[in-house]
Amino acid sequence: MAMQAASQRRVAVVTGAGSGVGRHSALALLNDGYCVALLGRRLAALEETAALADSGRRSLVVSTDVASEASVRSAFERTLSQFGRVDLLFNNAGGNAPPIPLDELTLEQWEGVVDVNLTGMFLCSREAMSIMKAQDPRGGRIINNGSVSAQTPRPHSAAYTATKHAVTGFTKSVALDGRAFDIACGQIDIGNAATPMTARMSQGVLQANFEPAREPTIDVDHVARAVLYMANLPLDANVLTMTVMATQMPLVGRG
């Protein structure tokens, strides 16, 4: 099938596309007809994601460090050169520090989480907004991966929780600043999607009373479908915040 004209394509950029939520969301977008730039640090994992979709020339693999200004700029330049526009950015890339008490957390560990979860989101959003403002038709959508830690912390998660609370403020600021340019921005908070990151849930994780307990997980494809729903809304409609979580996880109860 011939490539669509640039003005008719739907082009998405997905960070952290080599595994978990990023991989499944990228596949959902590809299967829905999007052209997708797959961004992440691990080239082999990104290539595996691309191979899982029968997408022809609609996927672009770009090894990217979202915490690096130069790397992010290069990734978006390659996306624009390949596909001609950017309609969607899914800021999914994220990292965490070991679950240790705050007084044992090193500055290097703290900065590593902030660099990826917050600064990386800023760098990618800045590039996307610049493109979305200038392209014709104008506008686009940014979806930020917040996590339920943007609502309620777990024990020993100061760096991760702080960045995810910051993501909520960032999302609202981008949503406000984007209005004049037909750019929508929303946030998806995910609770216990079954990915490599949540494998420890079945072994038991610390609760608010500092006792370990197993927690249920959900199929990550539920999250991918939610991302696709948000992505496919017309630009005059927006999901500002959405929580997709395991029904029986203890998020809404007292510790």
C-alpha atoms as a PDB file:
ATOM      1  CA  MET A   1       0.000   0.000   0.000  1.00  0.00           C
ATOM      2  CA  ALA A   2       1.354   3.419  -0.939  1.00  0.00           C
ATOM      3  CA  MET A   3       2.217   5.820   1.846  1.00  0.00           C
ATOM      4  CA  GLN A   4      -0.467   8.409   2.557  1.00  0.00           C
ATOM      5  CA  ALA A   5       0.090  12.058   1.766  1.00  0.00           C
ATOM      6  CA  ALA A   6       1.616  13.893   4.724  1.00  0.00           C
ATOM      7  CA  SER A   7      -1.586  15.861   5.353  1.00  0.00           C
ATOM      8  CA  GLN A   8      -3.594  12.616   5.609  1.00  0.00           C
ATOM      9  CA  ARG A   9      -1.268  10.646   7.868  1.00  0.00           C
ATOM     10  CA  ARG A  10      -1.729  10.279  11.591  1.00  0.00           C
ATOM     11  CA  VAL A  11       1.740  10.322  13.087  1.00  0.00           C
ATOM     12  CA  ALA A  12       2.555   9.347  16.661  1.00  0.00           C
ATOM     13  CA  VAL A  13       5.728   9.445  18.724  1.00  0.00           C
ATOM     14  CA  VAL A  14       5.917   6.955  21.605  1.00  0.00           C
ATOM     15  CA  THR A  15       8.741   7.107  24.137  1.00  0.00           C
ATOM     16  CA  GLY A  16       9.763   4.024  26.068  1.00  0.00           C
ATOM     17  CA  ALA A  17       8.413   1.975  23.170  1.00  0.00           C
ATOM     18  CA  GLY A  18      10.667  -1.019  23.723  1.00  0.00           C
ATOM     19  CA  SER A  19       8.599  -2.743  26.410  1.00  0.00           C
ATOM     20  CA  GLY A  20       5.533  -2.692  28.631  1.00  0.00           C
ATOM     21  CA  VAL A  21       2.958   0.068  28.253  1.00  0.00           C
ATOM     22  CA  GLY A  22       5.005   1.813  25.568  1.00  0.00           C
ATOM     23  CA  ARG A  23       5.296  -1.278  23.396  1.00  0.00           C
ATOM     24  CA  HIS A  24       1.636  -2.232  23.685  1.00  0.00           C
ATOM     25  CA  SER A  25       0.450   1.322  23.074  1.00  0.00           C
ATOM     26  CA  ALA A  26       2.706   1.666  20.036  1.00  0.00           C
ATOM     27  CA  LEU A  27       1.335  -1.588  18.638  1.00  0.00           C
ATOM     28  CA  ALA A  28      -2.248  -0.413  19.217  1.00  0.00           C
ATOM     29  CA  LEU A  29      -1.507   2.800  17.331  1.00  0.00           C
ATOM     30  CA  LEU A  30       0.232   0.971  14.481  1.00  0.00           C
ATOM     31  CA  ASN A  31      -2.627  -1.493  14.178  1.00  0.00           C
ATOM     32  CA  ASP A  32      -5.025   1.458  14.001  1.00  0.00           C
ATOM     33  CA  GLY A  33      -3.162   2.884  11.009  1.00  0.00           C
ATOM     34  CA  TYR A  34      -0.838   5.415  12.638  1.00  0.00           C
ATOM     35  CA  CYS A  35       2.710   5.981  11.529  1.00  0.00           C
ATOM     36  CA  VAL A  36       4.700   5.602  14.750  1.00  0.00           C
ATOM     37  CA  ALA A  37       8.172   6.716  15.749  1.00  0.00           C
ATOM     38  CA  LEU A  38       9.402   4.263  18.373  1.00  0.00           C
ATOM     39  CA  LEU A  39      11.744   5.998  20.815  1.00  0.00           C
ATOM     40  CA  GLY A  40      13.775   4.393  23.584  1.00  0.00           C
ATOM     41  CA  ARG A  41      17.295   3.640  24.748  1.00  0.00           C
ATOM     42  CA  ARG A  42      17.446  -0.021  23.733  1.00  0.00           C
ATOM     43  CA  LEU A  43      17.610  -0.349  19.956  1.00  0.00           C
ATOM     44  CA  ALA A  44      17.083  -4.119  19.929  1.00  0.00           C
ATOM     45  CA  ALA A  45      13.924  -3.815  22.027  1.00  0.00           C
ATOM     46  CA  LEU A  46      12.552  -1.112  19.728  1.00  0.00           C
ATOM     47  CA  GLU A  47      13.229  -3.309  16.719  1.00  0.00           C
ATOM     48  CA  GLU A  48      11.336  -6.136  18.427  1.00  0.00           C
ATOM     49  CA  THR A  49       8.358  -3.823  18.891  1.00  0.00           C
ATOM     50  CA  ALA A  50       8.442  -2.835  15.216  1.00  0.00           C
ATOM     51  CA  ALA A  51       8.643  -6.500  14.174  1.00  0.00           C
ATOM     52  CA  LEU A  52       5.513  -7.355  16.168  1.00  0.00           C
ATOM     53  CA  ALA A  53       3.350  -5.090  14.007  1.00  0.00           C
ATOM     54  CA  ASP A  54       2.577  -5.632  10.341  1.00  0.00           C
ATOM     55  CA  SER A  55       3.196  -1.952   9.735  1.00  0.00           C
ATOM     56  CA  GLY A  56       5.354  -1.900   6.608  1.00  0.00           C
ATOM     57  CA  ARG A  57       7.056   1.470   6.424  1.00  0.00           C
ATOM     58  CA  ARG A  58       4.808   3.035   9.070  1.00  0.00           C
ATOM     59  CA  SER A  59       7.219   2.489  11.944  1.00  0.00           C
ATOM     60  CA  LEU A  60      10.468   4.327  12.596  1.00  0.00           C
ATOM     61  CA  VAL A  61      12.941   3.068  15.192  1.00  0.00           C
ATOM     62  CA  VAL A  62      15.000   5.807  16.842  1.00  0.00           C
ATOM     63  CA  SER A  63      17.413   5.040  19.680  1.00  0.00           C
ATOM     64  CA  THR A  64      16.818   7.983  22.016  1.00  0.00           C
ATOM     65  CA  ASP A  65      17.803   9.151  25.480  1.00  0.00           C
ATOM     66  CA  VAL A  66      14.862  11.315  26.509  1.00  0.00           C
ATOM     67  CA  ALA A  67      16.984  13.024  29.153  1.00  0.00           C
ATOM     68  CA  SER A  68      19.344  14.355  26.455  1.00  0.00           C
ATOM     69  CA  GLU A  69      18.309  17.547  24.676  1.00  0.00           C
ATOM     70  CA  ALA A  70      20.378  16.710  21.596  1.00  0.00           C
ATOM     71  CA  SER A  71      19.063  13.140  21.412  1.00  0.00           C
ATOM     72  CA  VAL A  72      15.431  14.249  21.684  1.00  0.00           C
ATOM     73  CA  ARG A  73      15.852  16.981  19.083  1.00  0.00           C
ATOM     74  CA  SER A  74      17.454  14.511  16.682  1.00  0.00           C
ATOM     75  CA  ALA A  75      14.633  11.994  17.203  1.00  0.00           C
ATOM     76  CA  PHE A  76      11.954  14.532  16.355  1.00  0.00           C
ATOM     77  CA  GLU A  77      13.910  15.780  13.356  1.00  0.00           C
ATOM     78  CA  ARG A  78      14.075  12.208  12.051  1.00  0.00           C
ATOM     79  CA  THR A  79      10.359  11.748  12.671  1.00  0.00           C
ATOM     80  CA  LEU A  80       9.513  14.941  10.816  1.00  0.00           C
ATOM     81  CA  SER A  81      11.809  13.999   7.937  1.00  0.00           C
ATOM     82  CA  GLN A  82      10.257  10.516   7.670  1.00  0.00           C
ATOM     83  CA  PHE A  83       6.572  11.297   8.195  1.00  0.00           C
ATOM     84  CA  GLY A  84       6.158  15.038   7.679  1.00  0.00           C
ATOM     85  CA  ARG A  85       4.235  15.872  10.864  1.00  0.00           C
ATOM     86  CA  VAL A  86       3.485  14.858  14.477  1.00  0.00           C
ATOM     87  CA  ASP A  87      -0.127  14.397  15.575  1.00  0.00           C
ATOM     88  CA  LEU A  88       0.444  12.580  18.841  1.00  0.00           C
ATOM     89  CA  LEU A  89       3.135  12.322  21.483  1.00  0.00           C
ATOM     90  CA  PHE A  90       2.790   9.649  24.149  1.00  0.00           C
ATOM     91  CA  ASN A  91       5.257  10.580  26.885  1.00  0.00           C
ATOM     92  CA  ASN A  92       5.578   7.111  28.338  1.00  0.00           C
ATOM     93  CA  ALA A  93       9.289   6.699  29.157  1.00  0.00           C
ATOM     94  CA  GLY A  94       9.911   6.452  32.870  1.00  0.00           C
ATOM     95  CA  GLY A  95      12.326   5.204  35.474  1.00  0.00           C
ATOM     96  CA  ASN A  96      12.448   4.504  39.178  1.00  0.00           C
ATOM     97  CA  ALA A  97      14.916   4.331  42.034  1.00  0.00           C
ATOM     98  CA  PRO A  98      15.317   1.356  44.386  1.00  0.00           C
ATOM     99  CA  PRO A  99      12.560   1.168  47.061  1.00  0.00           C
ATOM    100  CA  ILE A 100      14.703   2.423  49.909  1.00  0.00           C
ATOM    101  CA  PRO A 101      14.179   4.969  52.721  1.00  0.00           C
ATOM    102  CA  LEU A 102      14.594   8.617  51.768  1.00  0.00           C
ATOM    103  CA  ASP A 103      17.710   9.055  53.916  1.00  0.00           C
ATOM    104  CA  GLU A 104      19.425   6.290  51.933  1.00  0.00           C
ATOM    105  CA  LEU A 105      18.531   7.705  48.507  1.00  0.00           C
ATOM    106  CA  THR A 106      21.564   9.147  46.730  1.00  0.00           C
ATOM    107  CA  LEU A 107      21.541  12.360  44.744  1.00  0.00           C
ATOM    108  CA  GLU A 108      22.516  10.362  41.661  1.00  0.00           C
ATOM    109  CA  GLN A 109      19.476   8.094  42.097  1.00  0.00           C
ATOM    110  CA  TRP A 110      17.178  11.093  42.632  1.00  0.00           C
ATOM    111  CA  GLU A 111      18.502  12.949  39.600  1.00  0.00           C
ATOM    112  CA  GLY A 112      18.249   9.839  37.431  1.00  0.00           C
ATOM    113  CA  VAL A 113      14.524   9.591  38.083  1.00  0.00           C
ATOM    114  CA  VAL A 114      13.932  13.324  37.636  1.00  0.00           C
ATOM    115  CA  ASP A 115      15.927  13.390  34.393  1.00  0.00           C
ATOM    116  CA  VAL A 116      13.816  10.697  32.731  1.00  0.00           C
ATOM    117  CA  ASN A 117      10.368  11.148  34.287  1.00  0.00           C
ATOM    118  CA  LEU A 118      10.192  14.934  34.255  1.00  0.00           C
ATOM    119  CA  THR A 119      12.960  16.540  32.207  1.00  0.00           C
ATOM    120  CA  GLY A 120      12.527  13.957  29.450  1.00  0.00           C
ATOM    121  CA  MET A 121       8.813  14.710  29.314  1.00  0.00           C
ATOM    122  CA  PHE A 122       9.555  18.426  29.049  1.00  0.00           C
ATOM    123  CA  LEU A 123      12.115  17.963  26.260  1.00  0.00           C
ATOM    124  CA  CYS A 124       9.820  15.744  24.179  1.00  0.00           C
ATOM    125  CA  SER A 125       6.784  17.969  24.733  1.00  0.00           C
ATOM    126  CA  ARG A 126       8.735  21.065  23.748  1.00  0.00           C
ATOM    127  CA  GLU A 127       9.768  19.517  20.442  1.00  0.00           C
ATOM    128  CA  ALA A 128       6.286  18.187  19.754  1.00  0.00           C
ATOM    129  CA  MET A 129       4.575  21.496  20.516  1.00  0.00           C
ATOM    130  CA  SER A 130       6.944  23.379  18.236  1.00  0.00           C
ATOM    131  CA  ILE A 131       6.099  21.029  15.362  1.00  0.00           C
ATOM    132  CA  MET A 132       2.368  20.974  16.106  1.00  0.00           C
ATOM    133  CA  LYS A 133       2.158  24.769  16.109  1.00  0.00           C
ATOM    134  CA  ALA A 134       3.796  25.065  12.705  1.00  0.00           C
ATOM    135  CA  GLN A 135       2.299  22.159  10.766  1.00  0.00           C
ATOM    136  CA  ASP A 136      -0.737  22.225   8.467  1.00  0.00           C
ATOM    137  CA  PRO A 137      -3.301  21.185   9.601  1.00  0.00           C
ATOM    138  CA  ARG A 138      -2.173  22.731  12.871  1.00  0.00           C
ATOM    139  CA  GLY A 139      -2.338  21.092  16.282  1.00  0.00           C
ATOM    140  CA  GLY A 140      -2.039  17.696  17.874  1.00  0.00           C
ATOM    141  CA  ARG A 141      -2.253  15.843  21.158  1.00  0.00           C
ATOM    142  CA  ILE A 142       0.144  15.014  23.982  1.00  0.00           C
ATOM    143  CA  ILE A 143      -0.587  12.178  26.414  1.00  0.00           C
ATOM    144  CA  ASN A 144       1.526  11.937  29.551  1.00  0.00           C
ATOM    145  CA  ASN A 145       1.979   8.727  31.529  1.00  0.00           C
ATOM    146  CA  GLY A 146       1.457   9.771  35.108  1.00  0.00           C
ATOM    147  CA  SER A 147       0.965   6.607  37.233  1.00  0.00           C
ATOM    148  CA  VAL A 148      -1.333   6.265  40.226  1.00  0.00           C
ATOM    149  CA  SER A 149       1.683   7.495  42.200  1.00  0.00           C
ATOM    150  CA  ALA A 150       0.641  10.910  40.885  1.00  0.00           C
ATOM    151  CA  GLN A 151      -2.314  10.527  43.264  1.00  0.00           C
ATOM    152  CA  THR A 152      -1.041   8.446  46.190  1.00  0.00           C
ATOM    153  CA  PRO A 153       2.517   7.417  47.094  1.00  0.00           C
ATOM    154  CA  ARG A 154       3.870   4.047  48.025  1.00  0.00           C
ATOM    155  CA  PRO A 155       6.391   3.690  50.848  1.00  0.00           C
ATOM    156  CA  HIS A 156       9.992   4.342  49.832  1.00  0.00           C
ATOM    157  CA  SER A 157       9.110   6.075  46.544  1.00  0.00           C
ATOM    158  CA  ALA A 158      10.011   9.729  47.107  1.00  0.00           C
ATOM    159  CA  ALA A 159      11.735  10.345  43.770  1.00  0.00           C
ATOM    160  CA  TYR A 160       9.172   8.516  41.645  1.00  0.00           C
ATOM    161  CA  THR A 161       6.183   9.990  43.483  1.00  0.00           C
ATOM    162  CA  ALA A 162       7.577  13.527  43.359  1.00  0.00           C
ATOM    163  CA  THR A 163       8.090  13.337  39.605  1.00  0.00           C
ATOM    164  CA  LYS A 164       4.652  11.860  38.980  1.00  0.00           C
ATOM    165  CA  HIS A 165       2.970  14.582  41.037  1.00  0.00           C
ATOM    166  CA  ALA A 166       4.965  17.064  38.963  1.00  0.00           C
ATOM    167  CA  VAL A 167       3.696  15.404  35.789  1.00  0.00           C
ATOM    168  CA  THR A 168       0.139  16.316  36.809  1.00  0.00           C
ATOM    169  CA  GLY A 169       1.055  19.991  37.053  1.00  0.00           C
ATOM    170  CA  PHE A 170       2.985  19.776  33.797  1.00  0.00           C
ATOM    171  CA  THR A 171       0.015  18.179  32.039  1.00  0.00           C
ATOM    172  CA  LYS A 172      -2.321  20.962  33.128  1.00  0.00           C
ATOM    173  CA  SER A 173       0.168  23.645  32.084  1.00  0.00           C
ATOM    174  CA  VAL A 174       0.622  22.107  28.636  1.00  0.00           C
ATOM    175  CA  ALA A 175      -3.149  21.711  28.260  1.00  0.00           C
ATOM    176  CA  LEU A 176      -3.574  25.394  29.047  1.00  0.00           C
ATOM    177  CA  ASP A 177      -0.700  26.644  26.894  1.00  0.00           C
ATOM    178  CA  GLY A 178      -1.738  24.468  23.965  1.00  0.00           C
ATOM    179  CA  ARG A 179      -5.310  25.740  23.687  1.00  0.00           C
ATOM    180  CA  ALA A 180      -4.498  28.641  21.394  1.00  0.00           C
ATOM    181  CA  PHE A 181      -2.731  26.291  18.977  1.00  0.00           C
ATOM    182  CA  ASP A 182      -5.208  23.370  18.839  1.00  0.00           C
ATOM    183  CA  ILE A 183      -2.945  21.232  21.017  1.00  0.00           C
ATOM    184  CA  ALA A 184      -4.694  19.022  23.580  1.00  0.00           C
ATOM    185  CA  CYS A 185      -2.895  17.441  26.515  1.00  0.00           C
ATOM    186  CA  GLY A 186      -4.064  14.738  28.914  1.00  0.00           C
ATOM    187  CA  GLN A 187      -2.673  12.306  31.443  1.00  0.00           C
ATOM    188  CA  ILE A 188      -3.214   8.604  32.006  1.00  0.00           C
ATOM    189  CA  ASP A 189      -2.546   7.240  35.499  1.00  0.00           C
ATOM    190  CA  ILE A 190      -1.953   3.499  35.449  1.00  0.00           C
ATOM    191  CA  GLY A 191      -2.332   1.152  38.378  1.00  0.00           C
ATOM    192  CA  ASN A 192      -0.698  -2.274  38.235  1.00  0.00           C
ATOM    193  CA  ALA A 193      -0.643  -3.056  34.521  1.00  0.00           C
ATOM    194  CA  ALA A 194       1.128  -6.397  34.087  1.00  0.00           C
ATOM    195  CA  THR A 195       4.559  -5.438  32.737  1.00  0.00           C
ATOM    196  CA  PRO A 196       8.140  -6.290  33.719  1.00  0.00           C
ATOM    197  CA  MET A 197       8.048  -3.253  36.018  1.00  0.00           C
ATOM    198  CA  THR A 198       5.154  -4.697  38.044  1.00  0.00           C
ATOM    199  CA  ALA A 199       6.332  -8.324  38.174  1.00  0.00           C
ATOM    200  CA  ARG A 200       7.165  -7.856  41.866  1.00  0.00           C
ATOM    201  CA  MET A 201       3.454  -7.327  42.673  1.00  0.00           C
ATOM    202  CA  SER A 202       2.889 -11.088  42.738  1.00  0.00           C
ATOM    203  CA  GLN A 203       5.665 -11.486  45.331  1.00  0.00           C
ATOM    204  CA  GLY A 204       4.366  -8.758  47.638  1.00  0.00           C
ATOM    205  CA  VAL A 205       5.076  -5.026  47.880  1.00  0.00           C
ATOM    206  CA  LEU A 206       5.119  -2.702  50.884  1.00  0.00           C
ATOM    207  CA  GLN A 207       1.767  -1.240  51.872  1.00  0.00           C
ATOM    208  CA  ALA A 208       1.049   1.931  53.827  1.00  0.00           C
ATOM    209  CA  ASN A 209       1.471  -0.006  57.095  1.00  0.00           C
ATOM    210  CA  PHE A 210       4.906  -1.149  55.852  1.00  0.00           C
ATOM    211  CA  GLU A 211       3.822  -4.765  55.625  1.00  0.00           C
ATOM    212  CA  PRO A 212       4.194  -6.584  52.299  1.00  0.00           C
ATOM    213  CA  ALA A 213       1.144  -7.809  50.421  1.00  0.00           C
ATOM    214  CA  ARG A 214       0.477  -9.186  46.982  1.00  0.00           C
ATOM    215  CA  GLU A 215      -1.459  -6.952  44.630  1.00  0.00           C
ATOM    216  CA  PRO A 216      -3.559  -7.802  41.571  1.00  0.00           C
ATOM    217  CA  THR A 217      -2.529  -6.681  38.087  1.00  0.00           C
ATOM    218  CA  ILE A 218      -4.403  -6.104  34.841  1.00  0.00           C
ATOM    219  CA  ASP A 219      -3.644  -6.927  31.218  1.00  0.00           C
ATOM    220  CA  VAL A 220      -1.521  -4.128  29.763  1.00  0.00           C
ATOM    221  CA  ASP A 221      -3.691  -4.136  26.634  1.00  0.00           C
ATOM    222  CA  HIS A 222      -6.447  -2.443  28.669  1.00  0.00           C
ATOM    223  CA  VAL A 223      -4.071   0.487  29.028  1.00  0.00           C
ATOM    224  CA  ALA A 224      -3.135   0.440  25.342  1.00  0.00           C
ATOM    225  CA  ARG A 225      -6.800   0.640  24.376  1.00  0.00           C
ATOM    226  CA  ALA A 226      -7.285   3.576  26.741  1.00  0.00           C
ATOM    227  CA  VAL A 227      -4.336   5.397  25.164  1.00  0.00           C
ATOM    228  CA  LEU A 228      -5.782   4.730  21.711  1.00  0.00           C
ATOM    229  CA  TYR A 229      -9.169   6.111  22.811  1.00  0.00           C
ATOM    230  CA  MET A 230      -7.533   9.293  24.082  1.00  0.00           C
ATOM    231  CA  ALA A 231      -5.446   9.574  20.921  1.00  0.00           C
ATOM    232  CA  ASN A 232      -8.412   9.274  18.568  1.00  0.00           C
ATOM    233  CA  LEU A 233     -10.571  11.988  20.107  1.00  0.00           C
ATOM    234  CA  PRO A 234     -11.105  15.070  17.930  1.00  0.00           C
ATOM    235  CA  LEU A 235      -9.011  17.990  19.095  1.00  0.00           C
ATOM    236  CA  ASP A 236     -12.045  19.815  20.479  1.00  0.00           C
ATOM    237  CA  ALA A 237     -12.415  17.011  23.067  1.00  0.00           C
ATOM    238  CA  ASN A 238      -9.869  15.956  25.667  1.00  0.00           C
ATOM    239  CA  VAL A 239      -9.433  13.464  28.477  1.00  0.00           C
ATOM    240  CA  LEU A 240      -7.521  15.615  30.944  1.00  0.00           C
ATOM    241  CA  THR A 241      -6.984  12.758  33.405  1.00  0.00           C
ATOM    242  CA  MET A 242      -7.831   9.060  33.300  1.00  0.00           C
ATOM    243  CA  THR A 243      -7.051   6.306  35.789  1.00  0.00           C
ATOM    244  CA  VAL A 244      -6.874   2.697  34.565  1.00  0.00           C
ATOM    245  CA  MET A 245      -6.222   0.331  37.448  1.00  0.00           C
ATOM    246  CA  ALA A 246      -6.724  -3.140  38.830  1.00  0.00           C
ATOM    247  CA  THR A 247     -10.138  -3.040  40.486  1.00  0.00           C
ATOM    248  CA  GLN A 248      -8.994  -4.665  43.711  1.00  0.00           C
ATOM    249  CA  MET A 249      -5.669  -2.913  44.212  1.00  0.00           C
ATOM    250  CA  PRO A 250      -5.608  -0.996  47.514  1.00  0.00           C
ATOM    251  CA  LEU A 251      -5.207   2.495  45.997  1.00  0.00           C
ATOM    252  CA  VAL A 252      -8.524   3.939  47.181  1.00  0.00           C
ATOM    253  CA  GLY A 253      -8.530   2.441  50.698  1.00  0.00           C
ATOM    254  CA  ARG A 254      -6.884   3.415  53.950  1.00  0.00           C
ATOM    255  CA  GLY A 255      -3.515   1.926  54.816  1.00  0.00           C
END
